[in-house]
Amino acid sequence: MAIQTATFGAGCFWCLEAAMNQVKGVIQALSGYMGGENNFPTYEQVCRGDTGHAEVVQVQFENSSISFEQLCLIFFSLHDPTQLNRQGNDVGTQYRSVVFYHNDEQLQLVRGVMAELERTQVFTQRIVTEVSPAGPFYVAEEYHQGYFLQHPGQGYCQFIVAPKMAKFRQNYAKLLKPN
């Protein structure tokens, strides 16, 4: 069993973290920050756009159970990768669509997935997802971890995250961990 790391940014990290933690083969998905200049940024700093970091989810996974390509497809299905530096009402570089690759194989795989999505015109607009080498990962504050599970009635969770999660569960039922 080989454990690998993948890091994705798809707007607010609450949805992506909730989804990835339900996938078979995912050991852990943590909300955090990557891609900026400051060491140990805080949520408030990242939200203000002061650091250059993106809200990301770092995924530890067993590649014998789930492939990096499958995780990329899940990532692309959970947000709109054609929106530059925003997802819905969340606007700023901290909400950019980004894949931080951890090795050359991941770089080639994500490029291949993106090319196939473009070729098959899954999205009506051009994909603008940033693909960059992984840098230091800073785990977000504890209250962000498992946020959707802990606060399903919170407004953002109810109107933004819950519909995405329902669609995710329907589309990826075969890849989900048993309840």
N, C-alpha and C. Protein backbone atom coordinates (compact mmCIF):
# COMPACT_ATOMS: atom_id res chain seq x y z
N MET A 1 0.85 -1.17 0.00
CA MET A 1 0.00 0.00 0.00
C MET A 1 0.89 1.23 0.00
N ALA A 2 0.74 2.06 -1.03
CA ALA A 2 1.51 3.29 -1.10
C ALA A 2 0.59 4.47 -0.80
N ILE A 3 0.99 5.28 0.15
CA ILE A 3 0.21 6.46 0.51
C ILE A 3 0.79 7.65 -0.23
N GLN A 4 -0.09 8.40 -0.90
CA GLN A 4 0.32 9.58 -1.64
C GLN A 4 -0.43 10.80 -1.13
N THR A 5 0.02 11.95 -1.57
CA THR A 5 -0.58 13.22 -1.19
C THR A 5 -1.03 13.96 -2.44
N ALA A 6 -2.21 14.55 -2.37
CA ALA A 6 -2.73 15.42 -3.43
C ALA A 6 -3.24 16.69 -2.77
N THR A 7 -3.11 17.82 -3.45
CA THR A 7 -3.58 19.09 -2.89
C THR A 7 -4.37 19.86 -3.94
N PHE A 8 -5.61 20.20 -3.58
CA PHE A 8 -6.54 20.86 -4.50
C PHE A 8 -7.14 22.10 -3.85
N GLY A 9 -7.37 23.13 -4.66
CA GLY A 9 -8.10 24.31 -4.24
C GLY A 9 -9.28 24.52 -5.17
N ALA A 10 -10.47 24.65 -4.59
CA ALA A 10 -11.69 24.75 -5.40
C ALA A 10 -12.68 25.71 -4.76
N GLY A 11 -12.21 26.90 -4.42
CA GLY A 11 -13.06 27.84 -3.70
C GLY A 11 -12.97 27.56 -2.21
N CYS A 12 -14.07 27.74 -1.51
CA CYS A 12 -14.11 27.47 -0.07
C CYS A 12 -13.76 26.01 0.18
N PHE A 13 -12.90 25.77 1.14
CA PHE A 13 -12.43 24.40 1.36
C PHE A 13 -13.43 23.48 2.05
N TRP A 14 -14.50 23.99 2.60
CA TRP A 14 -15.44 23.16 3.35
C TRP A 14 -16.06 22.07 2.50
N CYS A 15 -16.45 22.37 1.27
CA CYS A 15 -17.12 21.39 0.41
C CYS A 15 -16.14 20.31 -0.04
N LEU A 16 -15.00 20.73 -0.54
CA LEU A 16 -14.02 19.78 -1.05
C LEU A 16 -13.54 18.84 0.05
N GLU A 17 -13.31 19.39 1.24
CA GLU A 17 -12.86 18.57 2.38
C GLU A 17 -13.94 17.56 2.75
N ALA A 18 -15.20 17.98 2.80
CA ALA A 18 -16.30 17.07 3.16
C ALA A 18 -16.41 15.93 2.15
N ALA A 19 -16.30 16.25 0.86
CA ALA A 19 -16.40 15.23 -0.18
C ALA A 19 -15.23 14.26 -0.15
N MET A 20 -14.02 14.79 -0.12
CA MET A 20 -12.84 13.93 -0.18
C MET A 20 -12.77 12.97 1.00
N ASN A 21 -13.23 13.40 2.16
CA ASN A 21 -13.20 12.51 3.33
C ASN A 21 -14.20 11.37 3.23
N GLN A 22 -15.08 11.39 2.25
CA GLN A 22 -16.04 10.29 2.05
C GLN A 22 -15.59 9.27 1.02
N VAL A 23 -14.47 9.53 0.35
CA VAL A 23 -14.02 8.68 -0.75
C VAL A 23 -13.22 7.49 -0.22
N LYS A 24 -13.56 6.28 -0.71
CA LYS A 24 -12.80 5.08 -0.36
C LYS A 24 -11.35 5.29 -0.78
N GLY A 25 -10.44 4.93 0.08
CA GLY A 25 -9.02 5.07 -0.22
C GLY A 25 -8.43 6.37 0.29
N VAL A 26 -9.27 7.32 0.66
CA VAL A 26 -8.77 8.56 1.25
C VAL A 26 -8.60 8.31 2.75
N ILE A 27 -7.40 8.48 3.21
CA ILE A 27 -7.10 8.30 4.63
C ILE A 27 -7.54 9.53 5.41
N GLN A 28 -7.23 10.69 4.83
CA GLN A 28 -7.56 11.95 5.50
C GLN A 28 -7.51 13.09 4.50
N ALA A 29 -8.46 14.01 4.63
CA ALA A 29 -8.45 15.25 3.86
C ALA A 29 -8.51 16.39 4.86
N LEU A 30 -7.56 17.30 4.78
CA LEU A 30 -7.48 18.42 5.72
C LEU A 30 -7.60 19.74 4.97
N SER A 31 -8.38 20.64 5.54
CA SER A 31 -8.47 22.00 5.01
C SER A 31 -7.21 22.77 5.43
N GLY A 32 -6.74 23.61 4.52
CA GLY A 32 -5.55 24.40 4.84
C GLY A 32 -5.26 25.43 3.76
N TYR A 33 -4.01 25.85 3.74
CA TYR A 33 -3.58 26.94 2.86
C TYR A 33 -2.28 26.56 2.17
N MET A 34 -2.15 26.96 0.89
CA MET A 34 -0.92 26.72 0.14
C MET A 34 -0.81 27.78 -0.95
N GLY A 35 0.41 28.01 -1.37
CA GLY A 35 0.65 28.84 -2.54
C GLY A 35 0.91 30.30 -2.27
N GLY A 36 1.16 30.66 -1.04
CA GLY A 36 1.39 32.06 -0.71
C GLY A 36 2.78 32.30 -0.16
N GLU A 37 2.98 33.52 0.30
CA GLU A 37 4.30 33.95 0.75
C GLU A 37 4.51 33.83 2.26
N ASN A 38 3.48 34.04 3.05
CA ASN A 38 3.64 34.07 4.51
C ASN A 38 3.74 32.68 5.10
N ASN A 39 4.55 32.55 6.14
CA ASN A 39 4.58 31.32 6.90
C ASN A 39 3.45 31.35 7.92
N PHE A 40 2.77 30.24 8.07
CA PHE A 40 1.70 30.06 9.06
C PHE A 40 0.62 31.14 8.95
N PRO A 41 0.01 31.27 7.77
CA PRO A 41 -1.05 32.27 7.60
C PRO A 41 -2.29 31.90 8.41
N THR A 42 -3.04 32.90 8.78
CA THR A 42 -4.31 32.67 9.48
C THR A 42 -5.45 32.77 8.47
N TYR A 43 -6.60 32.28 8.86
CA TYR A 43 -7.78 32.35 8.01
C TYR A 43 -8.10 33.80 7.67
N GLU A 44 -8.03 34.66 8.65
CA GLU A 44 -8.34 36.07 8.42
C GLU A 44 -7.38 36.69 7.40
N GLN A 45 -6.09 36.38 7.50
CA GLN A 45 -5.12 36.90 6.54
C GLN A 45 -5.39 36.38 5.13
N VAL A 46 -5.67 35.09 5.02
CA VAL A 46 -5.94 34.49 3.72
C VAL A 46 -7.22 35.07 3.12
N CYS A 47 -8.25 35.22 3.94
CA CYS A 47 -9.53 35.78 3.46
C CYS A 47 -9.39 37.21 2.95
N ARG A 48 -8.52 37.97 3.56
CA ARG A 48 -8.29 39.34 3.10
C ARG A 48 -7.48 39.38 1.81
N GLY A 49 -6.90 38.26 1.43
CA GLY A 49 -6.07 38.22 0.23
C GLY A 49 -4.68 38.78 0.48
N ASP A 50 -4.27 38.82 1.76
CA ASP A 50 -2.98 39.42 2.12
C ASP A 50 -1.77 38.51 1.89
N THR A 51 -1.99 37.21 1.69
CA THR A 51 -0.86 36.29 1.72
C THR A 51 -0.55 35.61 0.39
N GLY A 52 -1.50 35.61 -0.54
CA GLY A 52 -1.31 34.90 -1.80
C GLY A 52 -1.68 33.42 -1.72
N HIS A 53 -2.06 32.94 -0.53
CA HIS A 53 -2.43 31.54 -0.38
C HIS A 53 -3.81 31.28 -0.97
N ALA A 54 -4.04 30.03 -1.33
CA ALA A 54 -5.36 29.55 -1.71
C ALA A 54 -5.89 28.68 -0.58
N GLU A 55 -7.20 28.69 -0.40
CA GLU A 55 -7.82 27.70 0.48
C GLU A 55 -7.73 26.37 -0.26
N VAL A 56 -7.15 25.37 0.37
CA VAL A 56 -6.94 24.08 -0.27
C VAL A 56 -7.35 22.95 0.65
N VAL A 57 -7.42 21.77 0.06
CA VAL A 57 -7.60 20.54 0.82
C VAL A 57 -6.45 19.62 0.44
N GLN A 58 -5.73 19.17 1.47
CA GLN A 58 -4.65 18.22 1.23
C GLN A 58 -5.17 16.84 1.57
N VAL A 59 -5.02 15.94 0.60
CA VAL A 59 -5.60 14.60 0.67
C VAL A 59 -4.48 13.56 0.78
N GLN A 60 -4.55 12.74 1.81
CA GLN A 60 -3.68 11.56 1.93
C GLN A 60 -4.50 10.38 1.44
N PHE A 61 -3.99 9.65 0.44
CA PHE A 61 -4.78 8.56 -0.14
C PHE A 61 -3.91 7.35 -0.46
N GLU A 62 -4.58 6.19 -0.48
CA GLU A 62 -3.93 4.93 -0.87
C GLU A 62 -4.14 4.77 -2.37
N ASN A 63 -3.06 4.83 -3.11
CA ASN A 63 -3.21 4.80 -4.57
C ASN A 63 -3.64 3.42 -5.10
N SER A 64 -3.64 2.42 -4.23
CA SER A 64 -4.16 1.11 -4.66
C SER A 64 -5.69 1.08 -4.59
N SER A 65 -6.30 2.03 -3.90
CA SER A 65 -7.75 2.09 -3.75
C SER A 65 -8.40 3.19 -4.58
N ILE A 66 -7.71 4.30 -4.76
CA ILE A 66 -8.22 5.44 -5.52
C ILE A 66 -7.03 6.08 -6.23
N SER A 67 -7.21 6.39 -7.48
CA SER A 67 -6.10 6.96 -8.24
C SER A 67 -6.11 8.49 -8.15
N PHE A 68 -4.96 9.07 -8.42
CA PHE A 68 -4.87 10.53 -8.48
C PHE A 68 -5.80 11.06 -9.58
N GLU A 69 -5.88 10.36 -10.70
CA GLU A 69 -6.79 10.79 -11.78
C GLU A 69 -8.24 10.82 -11.31
N GLN A 70 -8.66 9.80 -10.56
CA GLN A 70 -10.03 9.79 -10.04
C GLN A 70 -10.26 10.96 -9.09
N LEU A 71 -9.27 11.25 -8.25
CA LEU A 71 -9.40 12.40 -7.35
C LEU A 71 -9.50 13.70 -8.15
N CYS A 72 -8.74 13.80 -9.24
CA CYS A 72 -8.83 14.99 -10.10
C CYS A 72 -10.23 15.12 -10.69
N LEU A 73 -10.81 14.04 -11.14
CA LEU A 73 -12.15 14.10 -11.71
C LEU A 73 -13.17 14.53 -10.66
N ILE A 74 -13.03 14.04 -9.44
CA ILE A 74 -13.90 14.48 -8.34
C ILE A 74 -13.71 15.97 -8.12
N PHE A 75 -12.47 16.40 -8.03
CA PHE A 75 -12.14 17.82 -7.85
C PHE A 75 -12.82 18.68 -8.91
N PHE A 76 -12.67 18.31 -10.18
CA PHE A 76 -13.26 19.11 -11.26
C PHE A 76 -14.78 19.09 -11.23
N SER A 77 -15.38 18.03 -10.68
CA SER A 77 -16.84 17.96 -10.63
C SER A 77 -17.44 18.78 -9.49
N LEU A 78 -16.63 19.15 -8.51
CA LEU A 78 -17.14 19.82 -7.31
C LEU A 78 -17.08 21.35 -7.38
N HIS A 79 -16.58 21.89 -8.48
CA HIS A 79 -16.52 23.35 -8.61
C HIS A 79 -16.52 23.71 -10.09
N ASP A 80 -16.51 24.99 -10.36
CA ASP A 80 -16.48 25.47 -11.74
C ASP A 80 -15.05 25.91 -12.06
N PRO A 81 -14.28 25.06 -12.74
CA PRO A 81 -12.89 25.39 -13.03
C PRO A 81 -12.71 26.41 -14.15
N THR A 82 -13.82 26.96 -14.63
CA THR A 82 -13.73 27.99 -15.67
C THR A 82 -13.81 29.39 -15.09
N GLN A 83 -14.01 29.51 -13.79
CA GLN A 83 -14.08 30.83 -13.14
C GLN A 83 -12.70 31.18 -12.60
N LEU A 84 -12.18 32.32 -12.99
CA LEU A 84 -10.86 32.76 -12.56
C LEU A 84 -10.97 33.48 -11.21
N ASN A 85 -10.25 32.95 -10.23
CA ASN A 85 -10.14 33.58 -8.90
C ASN A 85 -11.50 33.80 -8.24
N ARG A 86 -12.37 32.84 -8.40
CA ARG A 86 -13.68 32.94 -7.72
C ARG A 86 -14.40 31.61 -7.84
N GLN A 87 -15.34 31.42 -6.93
CA GLN A 87 -16.33 30.36 -7.02
C GLN A 87 -17.62 30.97 -6.49
N GLY A 88 -18.55 31.23 -7.38
CA GLY A 88 -19.80 31.87 -6.98
C GLY A 88 -19.53 33.24 -6.38
N ASN A 89 -20.04 33.46 -5.18
CA ASN A 89 -19.85 34.75 -4.50
C ASN A 89 -18.52 34.86 -3.77
N ASP A 90 -17.75 33.77 -3.71
CA ASP A 90 -16.42 33.80 -3.08
C ASP A 90 -15.43 34.30 -4.13
N VAL A 91 -14.95 35.53 -3.93
CA VAL A 91 -14.10 36.17 -4.94
C VAL A 91 -12.73 36.50 -4.36
N GLY A 92 -11.69 36.23 -5.11
CA GLY A 92 -10.32 36.54 -4.73
C GLY A 92 -9.41 35.38 -5.06
N THR A 93 -8.11 35.66 -5.11
CA THR A 93 -7.15 34.60 -5.47
C THR A 93 -7.15 33.46 -4.46
N GLN A 94 -7.59 33.72 -3.23
CA GLN A 94 -7.65 32.66 -2.22
C GLN A 94 -8.69 31.60 -2.58
N TYR A 95 -9.59 31.90 -3.51
CA TYR A 95 -10.62 30.96 -3.94
C TYR A 95 -10.35 30.40 -5.33
N ARG A 96 -9.13 30.55 -5.81
CA ARG A 96 -8.80 30.10 -7.16
C ARG A 96 -8.90 28.58 -7.28
N SER A 97 -9.15 28.14 -8.50
CA SER A 97 -9.12 26.73 -8.84
C SER A 97 -7.66 26.38 -9.08
N VAL A 98 -7.14 25.42 -8.30
CA VAL A 98 -5.72 25.11 -8.40
C VAL A 98 -5.46 23.65 -8.02
N VAL A 99 -4.52 23.05 -8.73
CA VAL A 99 -3.97 21.75 -8.35
C VAL A 99 -2.50 21.98 -8.07
N PHE A 100 -2.10 21.69 -6.85
CA PHE A 100 -0.69 21.74 -6.48
C PHE A 100 -0.15 20.32 -6.59
N TYR A 101 0.69 20.08 -7.60
CA TYR A 101 1.19 18.72 -7.82
C TYR A 101 2.42 18.45 -6.95
N HIS A 102 2.54 17.18 -6.54
CA HIS A 102 3.61 16.77 -5.63
C HIS A 102 4.74 16.02 -6.32
N ASN A 103 4.56 15.69 -7.60
CA ASN A 103 5.62 15.03 -8.37
C ASN A 103 5.30 15.16 -9.86
N ASP A 104 6.24 14.77 -10.70
CA ASP A 104 6.06 14.90 -12.15
C ASP A 104 4.91 14.05 -12.67
N GLU A 105 4.70 12.88 -12.06
CA GLU A 105 3.59 12.03 -12.49
C GLU A 105 2.25 12.74 -12.28
N GLN A 106 2.07 13.38 -11.13
CA GLN A 106 0.83 14.12 -10.89
C GLN A 106 0.69 15.26 -11.89
N LEU A 107 1.77 15.93 -12.20
CA LEU A 107 1.71 17.02 -13.18
C LEU A 107 1.19 16.50 -14.52
N GLN A 108 1.76 15.40 -14.98
CA GLN A 108 1.33 14.84 -16.27
C GLN A 108 -0.11 14.35 -16.21
N LEU A 109 -0.50 13.73 -15.09
CA LEU A 109 -1.86 13.21 -14.97
C LEU A 109 -2.89 14.34 -14.95
N VAL A 110 -2.63 15.39 -14.18
CA VAL A 110 -3.62 16.48 -14.12
C VAL A 110 -3.70 17.19 -15.47
N ARG A 111 -2.59 17.34 -16.15
CA ARG A 111 -2.63 17.94 -17.49
C ARG A 111 -3.45 17.07 -18.44
N GLY A 112 -3.30 15.76 -18.32
CA GLY A 112 -4.07 14.83 -19.15
C GLY A 112 -5.56 14.90 -18.87
N VAL A 113 -5.93 14.96 -17.59
CA VAL A 113 -7.33 15.07 -17.22
C VAL A 113 -7.91 16.37 -17.76
N MET A 114 -7.18 17.47 -17.60
CA MET A 114 -7.66 18.76 -18.09
C MET A 114 -7.81 18.75 -19.61
N ALA A 115 -6.86 18.16 -20.31
CA ALA A 115 -6.94 18.08 -21.77
C ALA A 115 -8.16 17.27 -22.21
N GLU A 116 -8.43 16.18 -21.51
CA GLU A 116 -9.58 15.35 -21.85
C GLU A 116 -10.89 16.09 -21.57
N LEU A 117 -10.96 16.81 -20.45
CA LEU A 117 -12.16 17.59 -20.15
C LEU A 117 -12.38 18.68 -21.20
N GLU A 118 -11.31 19.30 -21.66
CA GLU A 118 -11.41 20.30 -22.72
C GLU A 118 -11.83 19.66 -24.04
N ARG A 119 -11.19 18.53 -24.38
CA ARG A 119 -11.47 17.84 -25.64
C ARG A 119 -12.94 17.43 -25.72
N THR A 120 -13.47 16.92 -24.62
CA THR A 120 -14.85 16.43 -24.60
C THR A 120 -15.85 17.53 -24.25
N GLN A 121 -15.35 18.73 -24.06
CA GLN A 121 -16.19 19.91 -23.80
C GLN A 121 -17.16 19.70 -22.64
N VAL A 122 -16.62 19.16 -21.55
CA VAL A 122 -17.43 18.98 -20.34
C VAL A 122 -17.91 20.33 -19.82
N PHE A 123 -17.07 21.34 -19.98
CA PHE A 123 -17.43 22.70 -19.57
C PHE A 123 -17.59 23.56 -20.81
N THR A 124 -18.52 24.51 -20.76
CA THR A 124 -18.77 25.35 -21.92
C THR A 124 -17.71 26.43 -22.11
N GLN A 125 -16.99 26.74 -21.05
CA GLN A 125 -15.92 27.74 -21.09
C GLN A 125 -14.57 27.02 -20.95
N ARG A 126 -13.49 27.73 -21.21
CA ARG A 126 -12.14 27.19 -21.07
C ARG A 126 -11.79 27.00 -19.59
N ILE A 127 -11.14 25.91 -19.26
CA ILE A 127 -10.68 25.63 -17.90
C ILE A 127 -9.52 26.57 -17.58
N VAL A 128 -9.60 27.26 -16.43
CA VAL A 128 -8.54 28.20 -16.03
C VAL A 128 -7.84 27.74 -14.75
N THR A 129 -7.99 26.48 -14.40
CA THR A 129 -7.36 25.93 -13.21
C THR A 129 -5.85 26.11 -13.27
N GLU A 130 -5.30 26.66 -12.20
CA GLU A 130 -3.84 26.81 -12.07
C GLU A 130 -3.25 25.45 -11.73
N VAL A 131 -2.11 25.12 -12.31
CA VAL A 131 -1.38 23.90 -11.98
C VAL A 131 0.02 24.36 -11.57
N SER A 132 0.35 24.14 -10.29
CA SER A 132 1.61 24.65 -9.73
C SER A 132 2.24 23.60 -8.84
N PRO A 133 3.57 23.67 -8.68
CA PRO A 133 4.22 22.73 -7.76
C PRO A 133 3.78 23.00 -6.32
N ALA A 134 3.63 21.93 -5.57
CA ALA A 134 3.24 22.05 -4.17
C ALA A 134 4.34 22.75 -3.38
N GLY A 135 3.92 23.55 -2.45
CA GLY A 135 4.82 24.21 -1.52
C GLY A 135 4.43 23.84 -0.12
N PRO A 136 4.81 24.64 0.85
CA PRO A 136 4.43 24.34 2.23
C PRO A 136 2.91 24.36 2.40
N PHE A 137 2.41 23.37 3.12
CA PHE A 137 0.99 23.27 3.44
C PHE A 137 0.80 23.67 4.89
N TYR A 138 -0.14 24.57 5.11
CA TYR A 138 -0.45 25.02 6.46
C TYR A 138 -1.86 24.58 6.79
N VAL A 139 -2.01 23.73 7.78
CA VAL A 139 -3.32 23.24 8.19
C VAL A 139 -4.15 24.40 8.71
N ALA A 140 -5.39 24.48 8.26
CA ALA A 140 -6.29 25.54 8.72
C ALA A 140 -6.66 25.30 10.18
N GLU A 141 -7.18 26.34 10.77
CA GLU A 141 -7.60 26.29 12.16
C GLU A 141 -8.55 25.11 12.39
N GLU A 142 -8.52 24.57 13.59
CA GLU A 142 -9.28 23.36 13.93
C GLU A 142 -10.78 23.49 13.59
N TYR A 143 -11.36 24.65 13.80
CA TYR A 143 -12.80 24.79 13.57
C TYR A 143 -13.18 24.64 12.09
N HIS A 144 -12.21 24.67 11.18
CA HIS A 144 -12.50 24.46 9.76
C HIS A 144 -12.53 22.98 9.39
N GLN A 145 -11.92 22.14 10.19
CA GLN A 145 -11.84 20.72 9.89
C GLN A 145 -13.21 20.07 10.13
N GLY A 146 -13.72 19.39 9.11
CA GLY A 146 -15.03 18.75 9.23
C GLY A 146 -16.17 19.74 9.41
N TYR A 147 -15.99 20.94 8.89
CA TYR A 147 -16.94 22.03 9.13
C TYR A 147 -18.36 21.67 8.68
N PHE A 148 -18.50 21.13 7.49
CA PHE A 148 -19.83 20.82 6.98
C PHE A 148 -20.54 19.79 7.86
N LEU A 149 -19.82 18.77 8.28
CA LEU A 149 -20.43 17.74 9.14
C LEU A 149 -20.87 18.31 10.48
N GLN A 150 -20.12 19.26 10.98
CA GLN A 150 -20.43 19.84 12.29
C GLN A 150 -21.49 20.95 12.22
N HIS A 151 -21.65 21.57 11.05
CA HIS A 151 -22.54 22.74 10.92
C HIS A 151 -23.43 22.64 9.68
N PRO A 152 -24.15 21.55 9.48
CA PRO A 152 -24.94 21.42 8.25
C PRO A 152 -26.05 22.47 8.12
N GLY A 153 -26.49 23.05 9.22
CA GLY A 153 -27.55 24.04 9.17
C GLY A 153 -27.07 25.46 8.98
N GLN A 154 -25.75 25.67 9.04
CA GLN A 154 -25.19 27.01 8.82
C GLN A 154 -25.54 27.44 7.40
N GLY A 155 -25.84 28.72 7.20
CA GLY A 155 -26.34 29.22 5.92
C GLY A 155 -25.53 28.80 4.71
N TYR A 156 -24.23 29.05 4.72
CA TYR A 156 -23.38 28.71 3.57
C TYR A 156 -23.42 27.20 3.32
N CYS A 157 -23.36 26.43 4.40
CA CYS A 157 -23.39 24.97 4.26
C CYS A 157 -24.72 24.51 3.68
N GLN A 158 -25.80 25.09 4.15
CA GLN A 158 -27.13 24.70 3.72
C GLN A 158 -27.38 25.01 2.24
N PHE A 159 -26.94 26.19 1.80
CA PHE A 159 -27.29 26.63 0.44
C PHE A 159 -26.21 26.39 -0.60
N ILE A 160 -24.97 26.23 -0.18
CA ILE A 160 -23.87 26.04 -1.14
C ILE A 160 -23.30 24.61 -1.05
N VAL A 161 -22.91 24.21 0.16
CA VAL A 161 -22.22 22.93 0.31
C VAL A 161 -23.19 21.75 0.17
N ALA A 162 -24.33 21.80 0.83
CA ALA A 162 -25.26 20.66 0.82
C ALA A 162 -25.70 20.25 -0.59
N PRO A 163 -26.08 21.18 -1.46
CA PRO A 163 -26.45 20.75 -2.83
C PRO A 163 -25.28 20.11 -3.58
N LYS A 164 -24.08 20.64 -3.40
CA LYS A 164 -22.91 20.04 -4.05
C LYS A 164 -22.68 18.63 -3.52
N MET A 165 -22.84 18.46 -2.21
CA MET A 165 -22.62 17.14 -1.60
C MET A 165 -23.67 16.13 -2.08
N ALA A 166 -24.91 16.56 -2.22
CA ALA A 166 -25.96 15.66 -2.71
C ALA A 166 -25.64 15.18 -4.12
N LYS A 167 -25.23 16.11 -4.97
CA LYS A 167 -24.86 15.75 -6.35
C LYS A 167 -23.63 14.84 -6.35
N PHE A 168 -22.66 15.16 -5.50
CA PHE A 168 -21.45 14.34 -5.39
C PHE A 168 -21.79 12.91 -4.99
N ARG A 169 -22.61 12.76 -3.96
CA ARG A 169 -22.98 11.41 -3.48
C ARG A 169 -23.70 10.61 -4.57
N GLN A 170 -24.53 11.29 -5.33
CA GLN A 170 -25.25 10.62 -6.42
C GLN A 170 -24.30 10.20 -7.53
N ASN A 171 -23.41 11.10 -7.95
CA ASN A 171 -22.51 10.83 -9.07
C ASN A 171 -21.37 9.87 -8.73
N TYR A 172 -20.98 9.81 -7.47
CA TYR A 172 -19.81 9.01 -7.10
C TYR A 172 -20.14 7.95 -6.06
N ALA A 173 -21.37 7.46 -6.03
CA ALA A 173 -21.81 6.50 -5.02
C ALA A 173 -20.88 5.29 -4.93
N LYS A 174 -20.37 4.82 -6.05
CA LYS A 174 -19.52 3.63 -6.06
C LYS A 174 -18.14 3.87 -5.42
N LEU A 175 -17.75 5.13 -5.33
CA LEU A 175 -16.44 5.45 -4.77
C LEU A 175 -16.48 5.83 -3.30
N LEU A 176 -17.67 5.83 -2.70
CA LEU A 176 -17.80 6.31 -1.33
C LEU A 176 -17.58 5.22 -0.29
N LYS A 177 -17.05 5.63 0.84
CA LYS A 177 -16.88 4.74 1.97
C LYS A 177 -18.26 4.32 2.48
N PRO A 178 -18.39 3.09 2.98
CA PRO A 178 -19.68 2.69 3.55
C PRO A 178 -19.99 3.53 4.79
N ASN A 179 -21.27 3.82 5.01
CA ASN A 179 -21.65 4.62 6.19
C ASN A 179 -21.44 3.89 7.48
